[in-house]
mmCIF file of all heavy atoms, coordinates in Angstrom:
data_MODEL
# 
_entry.id   MODEL 
# 
loop_
_atom_site.group_PDB 
_atom_site.id 
_atom_site.type_symbol 
_atom_site.label_atom_id 
_atom_site.label_alt_id 
_atom_site.label_comp_id 
_atom_site.label_asym_id 
_atom_site.label_entity_id 
_atom_site.label_seq_id 
_atom_site.pdbx_PDB_ins_code 
_atom_site.Cartn_x 
_atom_site.Cartn_y 
_atom_site.Cartn_z 
_atom_site.occupancy 
_atom_site.B_iso_or_equiv 
_atom_site.pdbx_formal_charge 
_atom_site.auth_seq_id 
_atom_site.auth_comp_id 
_atom_site.auth_asym_id 
_atom_site.auth_atom_id 
_atom_site.pdbx_PDB_model_num 
ATOM 1   N N   . VAL A 1 1  ? 213.193 9.190   227.907 1.00 0.00 ? 1  VAL A N   1 
ATOM 2   C CA  . VAL A 1 1  ? 212.227 8.796   228.922 1.00 0.00 ? 1  VAL A CA  1 
ATOM 3   C C   . VAL A 1 1  ? 212.992 8.312   230.139 1.00 0.00 ? 1  VAL A C   1 
ATOM 4   O O   . VAL A 1 1  ? 214.131 7.832   230.025 1.00 0.00 ? 1  VAL A O   1 
ATOM 5   C CB  . VAL A 1 1  ? 211.286 7.693   228.377 1.00 0.00 ? 1  VAL A CB  1 
ATOM 6   C CG1 . VAL A 1 1  ? 212.042 6.419   228.052 1.00 0.00 ? 1  VAL A CG1 1 
ATOM 7   C CG2 . VAL A 1 1  ? 210.126 7.427   229.302 1.00 0.00 ? 1  VAL A CG2 1 
ATOM 8   N N   . GLN A 1 2  ? 212.390 8.428   231.308 1.00 0.00 ? 2  GLN A N   1 
ATOM 9   C CA  . GLN A 1 2  ? 213.028 7.971   232.528 1.00 0.00 ? 2  GLN A CA  1 
ATOM 10  C C   . GLN A 1 2  ? 212.827 6.462   232.706 1.00 0.00 ? 2  GLN A C   1 
ATOM 11  O O   . GLN A 1 2  ? 211.888 5.867   232.143 1.00 0.00 ? 2  GLN A O   1 
ATOM 12  C CB  . GLN A 1 2  ? 212.458 8.694   233.732 1.00 0.00 ? 2  GLN A CB  1 
ATOM 13  C CG  . GLN A 1 2  ? 212.858 10.175  233.790 1.00 0.00 ? 2  GLN A CG  1 
ATOM 14  C CD  . GLN A 1 2  ? 212.465 10.839  235.077 1.00 0.00 ? 2  GLN A CD  1 
ATOM 15  O OE1 . GLN A 1 2  ? 211.486 10.441  235.714 1.00 0.00 ? 2  GLN A OE1 1 
ATOM 16  N NE2 . GLN A 1 2  ? 213.208 11.840  235.486 1.00 0.00 ? 2  GLN A NE2 1 
ATOM 17  N N   . THR A 1 3  ? 213.692 5.860   233.483 1.00 0.00 ? 3  THR A N   1 
ATOM 18  C CA  . THR A 1 3  ? 213.581 4.442   233.801 1.00 0.00 ? 3  THR A CA  1 
ATOM 19  C C   . THR A 1 3  ? 212.180 4.141   234.347 1.00 0.00 ? 3  THR A C   1 
ATOM 20  O O   . THR A 1 3  ? 211.675 4.891   235.199 1.00 0.00 ? 3  THR A O   1 
ATOM 21  C CB  . THR A 1 3  ? 214.629 4.051   234.843 1.00 0.00 ? 3  THR A CB  1 
ATOM 22  O OG1 . THR A 1 3  ? 215.935 4.311   234.326 1.00 0.00 ? 3  THR A OG1 1 
ATOM 23  C CG2 . THR A 1 3  ? 214.522 2.578   235.191 1.00 0.00 ? 3  THR A CG2 1 
ATOM 24  N N   . GLY A 1 4  ? 211.600 3.075   233.813 1.00 0.00 ? 4  GLY A N   1 
ATOM 25  C CA  . GLY A 1 4  ? 210.252 2.700   234.205 1.00 0.00 ? 4  GLY A CA  1 
ATOM 26  C C   . GLY A 1 4  ? 209.159 3.305   233.358 1.00 0.00 ? 4  GLY A C   1 
ATOM 27  O O   . GLY A 1 4  ? 207.987 2.934   233.484 1.00 0.00 ? 4  GLY A O   1 
ATOM 28  N N   . GLY A 1 5  ? 209.533 4.236   232.488 1.00 0.00 ? 5  GLY A N   1 
ATOM 29  C CA  . GLY A 1 5  ? 208.561 4.903   231.641 1.00 0.00 ? 5  GLY A CA  1 
ATOM 30  C C   . GLY A 1 5  ? 208.186 4.093   230.420 1.00 0.00 ? 5  GLY A C   1 
ATOM 31  O O   . GLY A 1 5  ? 208.608 2.946   230.248 1.00 0.00 ? 5  GLY A O   1 
ATOM 32  N N   . SER A 1 6  ? 207.406 4.731   229.551 1.00 0.00 ? 6  SER A N   1 
ATOM 33  C CA  . SER A 1 6  ? 206.892 4.059   228.356 1.00 0.00 ? 6  SER A CA  1 
ATOM 34  C C   . SER A 1 6  ? 207.057 4.939   227.122 1.00 0.00 ? 6  SER A C   1 
ATOM 35  O O   . SER A 1 6  ? 207.075 6.176   227.233 1.00 0.00 ? 6  SER A O   1 
ATOM 36  C CB  . SER A 1 6  ? 205.405 3.737   228.524 1.00 0.00 ? 6  SER A CB  1 
ATOM 37  O OG  . SER A 1 6  ? 205.185 2.862   229.603 1.00 0.00 ? 6  SER A OG  1 
ATOM 38  N N   . LEU A 1 7  ? 207.180 4.286   225.987 1.00 0.00 ? 7  LEU A N   1 
ATOM 39  C CA  . LEU A 1 7  ? 207.173 4.943   224.685 1.00 0.00 ? 7  LEU A CA  1 
ATOM 40  C C   . LEU A 1 7  ? 206.472 4.012   223.709 1.00 0.00 ? 7  LEU A C   1 
ATOM 41  O O   . LEU A 1 7  ? 206.475 2.786   223.883 1.00 0.00 ? 7  LEU A O   1 
ATOM 42  C CB  . LEU A 1 7  ? 208.602 5.203   224.181 1.00 0.00 ? 7  LEU A CB  1 
ATOM 43  C CG  . LEU A 1 7  ? 209.391 6.361   224.770 1.00 0.00 ? 7  LEU A CG  1 
ATOM 44  C CD1 . LEU A 1 7  ? 210.817 6.324   224.221 1.00 0.00 ? 7  LEU A CD1 1 
ATOM 45  C CD2 . LEU A 1 7  ? 208.731 7.692   224.460 1.00 0.00 ? 7  LEU A CD2 1 
ATOM 46  N N   . ARG A 1 8  ? 205.897 4.616   222.671 1.00 0.00 ? 8  ARG A N   1 
ATOM 47  C CA  . ARG A 1 8  ? 205.330 3.814   221.579 1.00 0.00 ? 8  ARG A CA  1 
ATOM 48  C C   . ARG A 1 8  ? 205.979 4.241   220.279 1.00 0.00 ? 8  ARG A C   1 
ATOM 49  O O   . ARG A 1 8  ? 205.882 5.414   219.886 1.00 0.00 ? 8  ARG A O   1 
ATOM 50  C CB  . ARG A 1 8  ? 203.819 3.989   221.484 1.00 0.00 ? 8  ARG A CB  1 
ATOM 51  C CG  . ARG A 1 8  ? 203.197 3.006   220.498 1.00 0.00 ? 8  ARG A CG  1 
ATOM 52  C CD  . ARG A 1 8  ? 201.696 3.115   220.399 1.00 0.00 ? 8  ARG A CD  1 
ATOM 53  N NE  . ARG A 1 8  ? 201.263 4.261   219.608 1.00 0.00 ? 8  ARG A NE  1 
ATOM 54  C CZ  . ARG A 1 8  ? 200.055 4.368   219.075 1.00 0.00 ? 8  ARG A CZ  1 
ATOM 55  N NH1 . ARG A 1 8  ? 199.168 3.392   219.228 1.00 0.00 ? 8  ARG A NH1 1 
ATOM 56  N NH2 . ARG A 1 8  ? 199.735 5.442   218.398 1.00 0.00 ? 8  ARG A NH2 1 
ATOM 57  N N   . LEU A 1 9  ? 206.634 3.291   219.646 1.00 0.00 ? 9  LEU A N   1 
ATOM 58  C CA  . LEU A 1 9  ? 207.240 3.530   218.349 1.00 0.00 ? 9  LEU A CA  1 
ATOM 59  C C   . LEU A 1 9  ? 206.264 3.135   217.247 1.00 0.00 ? 9  LEU A C   1 
ATOM 60  O O   . LEU A 1 9  ? 205.484 2.192   217.402 1.00 0.00 ? 9  LEU A O   1 
ATOM 61  C CB  . LEU A 1 9  ? 208.522 2.706   218.201 1.00 0.00 ? 9  LEU A CB  1 
ATOM 62  C CG  . LEU A 1 9  ? 209.580 2.891   219.293 1.00 0.00 ? 9  LEU A CG  1 
ATOM 63  C CD1 . LEU A 1 9  ? 210.818 2.077   218.951 1.00 0.00 ? 9  LEU A CD1 1 
ATOM 64  C CD2 . LEU A 1 9  ? 209.925 4.337   219.501 1.00 0.00 ? 9  LEU A CD2 1 
ATOM 65  N N   . SER A 1 10 ? 206.343 3.859   216.144 1.00 0.00 ? 10 SER A N   1 
ATOM 66  C CA  . SER A 1 10 ? 205.515 3.574   214.979 1.00 0.00 ? 10 SER A CA  1 
ATOM 67  C C   . SER A 1 10 ? 206.388 3.312   213.766 1.00 0.00 ? 10 SER A C   1 
ATOM 68  O O   . SER A 1 10 ? 207.436 3.965   213.604 1.00 0.00 ? 10 SER A O   1 
ATOM 69  C CB  . SER A 1 10 ? 204.577 4.755   214.667 1.00 0.00 ? 10 SER A CB  1 
ATOM 70  O OG  . SER A 1 10 ? 203.721 5.014   215.747 1.00 0.00 ? 10 SER A OG  1 
ATOM 71  N N   . CYS A 1 11 ? 205.966 2.400   212.936 1.00 0.00 ? 11 CYS A N   1 
ATOM 72  C CA  . CYS A 1 11 ? 206.644 2.104   211.676 1.00 0.00 ? 11 CYS A CA  1 
ATOM 73  C C   . CYS A 1 11 ? 205.575 2.087   210.596 1.00 0.00 ? 11 CYS A C   1 
ATOM 74  O O   . CYS A 1 11 ? 204.723 1.174   210.580 1.00 0.00 ? 11 CYS A O   1 
ATOM 75  C CB  . CYS A 1 11 ? 207.351 0.775   211.756 1.00 0.00 ? 11 CYS A CB  1 
ATOM 76  S SG  . CYS A 1 11 ? 208.006 0.174   210.149 1.00 0.00 ? 11 CYS A SG  1 
ATOM 77  N N   . THR A 1 12 ? 205.593 3.083   209.721 1.00 0.00 ? 12 THR A N   1 
ATOM 78  C CA  . THR A 1 12 ? 204.607 3.194   208.660 1.00 0.00 ? 12 THR A CA  1 
ATOM 79  C C   . THR A 1 12 ? 205.228 2.778   207.333 1.00 0.00 ? 12 THR A C   1 
ATOM 80  O O   . THR A 1 12 ? 206.292 3.292   206.963 1.00 0.00 ? 12 THR A O   1 
ATOM 81  C CB  . THR A 1 12 ? 204.056 4.615   208.587 1.00 0.00 ? 12 THR A CB  1 
ATOM 82  O OG1 . THR A 1 12 ? 203.436 4.935   209.832 1.00 0.00 ? 12 THR A OG1 1 
ATOM 83  C CG2 . THR A 1 12 ? 203.008 4.719   207.485 1.00 0.00 ? 12 THR A CG2 1 
ATOM 84  N N   . ALA A 1 13 ? 204.550 1.864   206.655 1.00 0.00 ? 13 ALA A N   1 
ATOM 85  C CA  . ALA A 1 13 ? 205.070 1.316   205.399 1.00 0.00 ? 13 ALA A CA  1 
ATOM 86  C C   . ALA A 1 13 ? 204.414 1.986   204.201 1.00 0.00 ? 13 ALA A C   1 
ATOM 87  O O   . ALA A 1 13 ? 203.300 2.514   204.304 1.00 0.00 ? 13 ALA A O   1 
ATOM 88  C CB  . ALA A 1 13 ? 204.807 -0.187  205.359 1.00 0.00 ? 13 ALA A CB  1 
ATOM 89  N N   . SER A 1 14 ? 205.109 1.918   203.063 1.00 0.00 ? 14 SER A N   1 
ATOM 90  C CA  . SER A 1 14 ? 204.643 2.569   201.858 1.00 0.00 ? 14 SER A CA  1 
ATOM 91  C C   . SER A 1 14 ? 203.646 1.696   201.095 1.00 0.00 ? 14 SER A C   1 
ATOM 92  O O   . SER A 1 14 ? 203.125 2.125   200.056 1.00 0.00 ? 14 SER A O   1 
ATOM 93  C CB  . SER A 1 14 ? 205.825 2.912   200.942 1.00 0.00 ? 14 SER A CB  1 
ATOM 94  O OG  . SER A 1 14 ? 206.521 1.716   200.594 1.00 0.00 ? 14 SER A OG  1 
ATOM 95  N N   . ARG A 1 15 ? 203.403 0.494   201.594 1.00 0.00 ? 15 ARG A N   1 
ATOM 96  C CA  . ARG A 1 15 ? 202.429 -0.393  200.974 1.00 0.00 ? 15 ARG A CA  1 
ATOM 97  C C   . ARG A 1 15 ? 201.684 -1.136  202.059 1.00 0.00 ? 15 ARG A C   1 
ATOM 98  O O   . ARG A 1 15 ? 202.063 -1.070  203.230 1.00 0.00 ? 15 ARG A O   1 
ATOM 99  C CB  . ARG A 1 15 ? 203.107 -1.356  200.012 1.00 0.00 ? 15 ARG A CB  1 
ATOM 100 C CG  . ARG A 1 15 ? 204.085 -2.301  200.643 1.00 0.00 ? 15 ARG A CG  1 
ATOM 101 C CD  . ARG A 1 15 ? 204.713 -3.241  199.600 1.00 0.00 ? 15 ARG A CD  1 
ATOM 102 N NE  . ARG A 1 15 ? 203.703 -3.940  198.849 1.00 0.00 ? 15 ARG A NE  1 
ATOM 103 C CZ  . ARG A 1 15 ? 203.528 -3.813  197.528 1.00 0.00 ? 15 ARG A CZ  1 
ATOM 104 N NH1 . ARG A 1 15 ? 204.318 -3.006  196.829 1.00 0.00 ? 15 ARG A NH1 1 
ATOM 105 N NH2 . ARG A 1 15 ? 202.596 -4.509  196.901 1.00 0.00 ? 15 ARG A NH2 1 
ATOM 106 N N   . SER A 1 16 ? 200.658 -1.845  201.677 1.00 0.00 ? 16 SER A N   1 
ATOM 107 C CA  . SER A 1 16 ? 199.859 -2.584  202.635 1.00 0.00 ? 16 SER A CA  1 
ATOM 108 C C   . SER A 1 16 ? 200.724 -3.555  203.437 1.00 0.00 ? 16 SER A C   1 
ATOM 109 O O   . SER A 1 16 ? 201.461 -4.351  202.867 1.00 0.00 ? 16 SER A O   1 
ATOM 110 C CB  . SER A 1 16 ? 198.756 -3.358  201.912 1.00 0.00 ? 16 SER A CB  1 
ATOM 111 O OG  . SER A 1 16 ? 198.143 -4.260  202.807 1.00 0.00 ? 16 SER A OG  1 
ATOM 112 N N   . ILE A 1 17 ? 200.634 -3.473  204.754 1.00 0.00 ? 17 ILE A N   1 
ATOM 113 C CA  . ILE A 1 17 ? 201.444 -4.380  205.576 1.00 0.00 ? 17 ILE A CA  1 
ATOM 114 C C   . ILE A 1 17 ? 200.926 -5.811  205.492 1.00 0.00 ? 17 ILE A C   1 
ATOM 115 O O   . ILE A 1 17 ? 201.643 -6.743  205.821 1.00 0.00 ? 17 ILE A O   1 
ATOM 116 C CB  . ILE A 1 17 ? 201.515 -3.906  207.040 1.00 0.00 ? 17 ILE A CB  1 
ATOM 117 C CG1 . ILE A 1 17 ? 200.123 -3.794  207.671 1.00 0.00 ? 17 ILE A CG1 1 
ATOM 118 C CG2 . ILE A 1 17 ? 202.278 -2.603  207.137 1.00 0.00 ? 17 ILE A CG2 1 
ATOM 119 C CD1 . ILE A 1 17 ? 200.164 -3.459  209.167 1.00 0.00 ? 17 ILE A CD1 1 
ATOM 120 N N   . ASN A 1 18 ? 199.713 -5.998  205.002 1.00 0.00 ? 18 ASN A N   1 
ATOM 121 C CA  . ASN A 1 18 ? 199.209 -7.362  204.800 1.00 0.00 ? 18 ASN A CA  1 
ATOM 122 C C   . ASN A 1 18 ? 199.970 -8.070  203.677 1.00 0.00 ? 18 ASN A C   1 
ATOM 123 O O   . ASN A 1 18 ? 199.975 -9.298  203.617 1.00 0.00 ? 18 ASN A O   1 
ATOM 124 C CB  . ASN A 1 18 ? 197.728 -7.352  204.468 1.00 0.00 ? 18 ASN A CB  1 
ATOM 125 C CG  . ASN A 1 18 ? 196.874 -7.148  205.707 1.00 0.00 ? 18 ASN A CG  1 
ATOM 126 O OD1 . ASN A 1 18 ? 197.253 -7.558  206.800 1.00 0.00 ? 18 ASN A OD1 1 
ATOM 127 N ND2 . ASN A 1 18 ? 195.733 -6.493  205.543 1.00 0.00 ? 18 ASN A ND2 1 
ATOM 128 N N   . SER A 1 19 ? 200.596 -7.298  202.801 1.00 0.00 ? 19 SER A N   1 
ATOM 129 C CA  . SER A 1 19 ? 201.353 -7.869  201.695 1.00 0.00 ? 19 SER A CA  1 
ATOM 130 C C   . SER A 1 19 ? 202.803 -8.153  202.075 1.00 0.00 ? 19 SER A C   1 
ATOM 131 O O   . SER A 1 19 ? 203.544 -8.745  201.293 1.00 0.00 ? 19 SER A O   1 
ATOM 132 C CB  . SER A 1 19 ? 201.331 -6.925  200.488 1.00 0.00 ? 19 SER A CB  1 
ATOM 133 O OG  . SER A 1 19 ? 202.071 -5.755  200.754 1.00 0.00 ? 19 SER A OG  1 
ATOM 134 N N   . ILE A 1 20 ? 203.191 -7.729  203.256 1.00 0.00 ? 20 ILE A N   1 
ATOM 135 C CA  . ILE A 1 20 ? 204.571 -7.874  203.711 1.00 0.00 ? 20 ILE A CA  1 
ATOM 136 C C   . ILE A 1 20 ? 204.664 -9.108  204.596 1.00 0.00 ? 20 ILE A C   1 
ATOM 137 O O   . ILE A 1 20 ? 203.904 -9.238  205.559 1.00 0.00 ? 20 ILE A O   1 
ATOM 138 C CB  . ILE A 1 20 ? 205.032 -6.629  204.485 1.00 0.00 ? 20 ILE A CB  1 
ATOM 139 C CG1 . ILE A 1 20 ? 204.949 -5.400  203.568 1.00 0.00 ? 20 ILE A CG1 1 
ATOM 140 C CG2 . ILE A 1 20 ? 206.438 -6.811  205.013 1.00 0.00 ? 20 ILE A CG2 1 
ATOM 141 C CD1 . ILE A 1 20 ? 205.194 -4.083  204.292 1.00 0.00 ? 20 ILE A CD1 1 
ATOM 142 N N   . ASN A 1 21 ? 205.580 -9.998  204.278 1.00 0.00 ? 21 ASN A N   1 
ATOM 143 C CA  . ASN A 1 21 ? 205.675 -11.264 205.000 1.00 0.00 ? 21 ASN A CA  1 
ATOM 144 C C   . ASN A 1 21 ? 205.860 -11.056 206.505 1.00 0.00 ? 21 ASN A C   1 
ATOM 145 O O   . ASN A 1 21 ? 205.178 -11.683 207.328 1.00 0.00 ? 21 ASN A O   1 
ATOM 146 C CB  . ASN A 1 21 ? 206.837 -12.105 204.473 1.00 0.00 ? 21 ASN A CB  1 
ATOM 147 C CG  . ASN A 1 21 ? 206.624 -12.521 203.036 1.00 0.00 ? 21 ASN A CG  1 
ATOM 148 O OD1 . ASN A 1 21 ? 205.485 -12.569 202.560 1.00 0.00 ? 21 ASN A OD1 1 
ATOM 149 N ND2 . ASN A 1 21 ? 207.698 -12.809 202.341 1.00 0.00 ? 21 ASN A ND2 1 
ATOM 150 N N   . ALA A 1 22 ? 206.807 -10.194 206.843 1.00 0.00 ? 22 ALA A N   1 
ATOM 151 C CA  . ALA A 1 22 ? 207.100 -9.966  208.257 1.00 0.00 ? 22 ALA A CA  1 
ATOM 152 C C   . ALA A 1 22 ? 207.646 -8.560  208.435 1.00 0.00 ? 22 ALA A C   1 
ATOM 153 O O   . ALA A 1 22 ? 208.368 -8.057  207.583 1.00 0.00 ? 22 ALA A O   1 
ATOM 154 C CB  . ALA A 1 22 ? 208.105 -10.987 208.782 1.00 0.00 ? 22 ALA A CB  1 
ATOM 155 N N   . ILE A 1 23 ? 207.303 -7.970  209.555 1.00 0.00 ? 23 ILE A N   1 
ATOM 156 C CA  . ILE A 1 23 ? 207.872 -6.685  209.956 1.00 0.00 ? 23 ILE A CA  1 
ATOM 157 C C   . ILE A 1 23 ? 208.541 -6.884  211.313 1.00 0.00 ? 23 ILE A C   1 
ATOM 158 O O   . ILE A 1 23 ? 207.943 -7.476  212.221 1.00 0.00 ? 23 ILE A O   1 
ATOM 159 C CB  . ILE A 1 23 ? 206.819 -5.588  209.999 1.00 0.00 ? 23 ILE A CB  1 
ATOM 160 C CG1 . ILE A 1 23 ? 206.299 -5.319  208.585 1.00 0.00 ? 23 ILE A CG1 1 
ATOM 161 C CG2 . ILE A 1 23 ? 207.388 -4.317  210.610 1.00 0.00 ? 23 ILE A CG2 1 
ATOM 162 C CD1 . ILE A 1 23 ? 205.281 -4.229  208.471 1.00 0.00 ? 23 ILE A CD1 1 
ATOM 163 N N   . HIS A 1 24 ? 209.771 -6.421  211.378 1.00 0.00 ? 24 HIS A N   1 
ATOM 164 C CA  . HIS A 1 24 ? 210.577 -6.614  212.571 1.00 0.00 ? 24 HIS A CA  1 
ATOM 165 C C   . HIS A 1 24 ? 210.933 -5.260  213.194 1.00 0.00 ? 24 HIS A C   1 
ATOM 166 O O   . HIS A 1 24 ? 211.045 -4.251  212.495 1.00 0.00 ? 24 HIS A O   1 
ATOM 167 C CB  . HIS A 1 24 ? 211.895 -7.312  212.239 1.00 0.00 ? 24 HIS A CB  1 
ATOM 168 C CG  . HIS A 1 24 ? 211.765 -8.565  211.449 1.00 0.00 ? 24 HIS A CG  1 
ATOM 169 N ND1 . HIS A 1 24 ? 211.575 -8.590  210.081 1.00 0.00 ? 24 HIS A ND1 1 
ATOM 170 C CD2 . HIS A 1 24 ? 211.804 -9.854  211.842 1.00 0.00 ? 24 HIS A CD2 1 
ATOM 171 C CE1 . HIS A 1 24 ? 211.521 -9.844  209.662 1.00 0.00 ? 24 HIS A CE1 1 
ATOM 172 N NE2 . HIS A 1 24 ? 211.636 -10.635 210.705 1.00 0.00 ? 24 HIS A NE2 1 
# 
């Protein structure tokens, strides 16, 4: 991406993220 642009990263977990203390 060029300077000033945007991106959205995704992180998909193999289990419910509500059960995970923290995601970094």
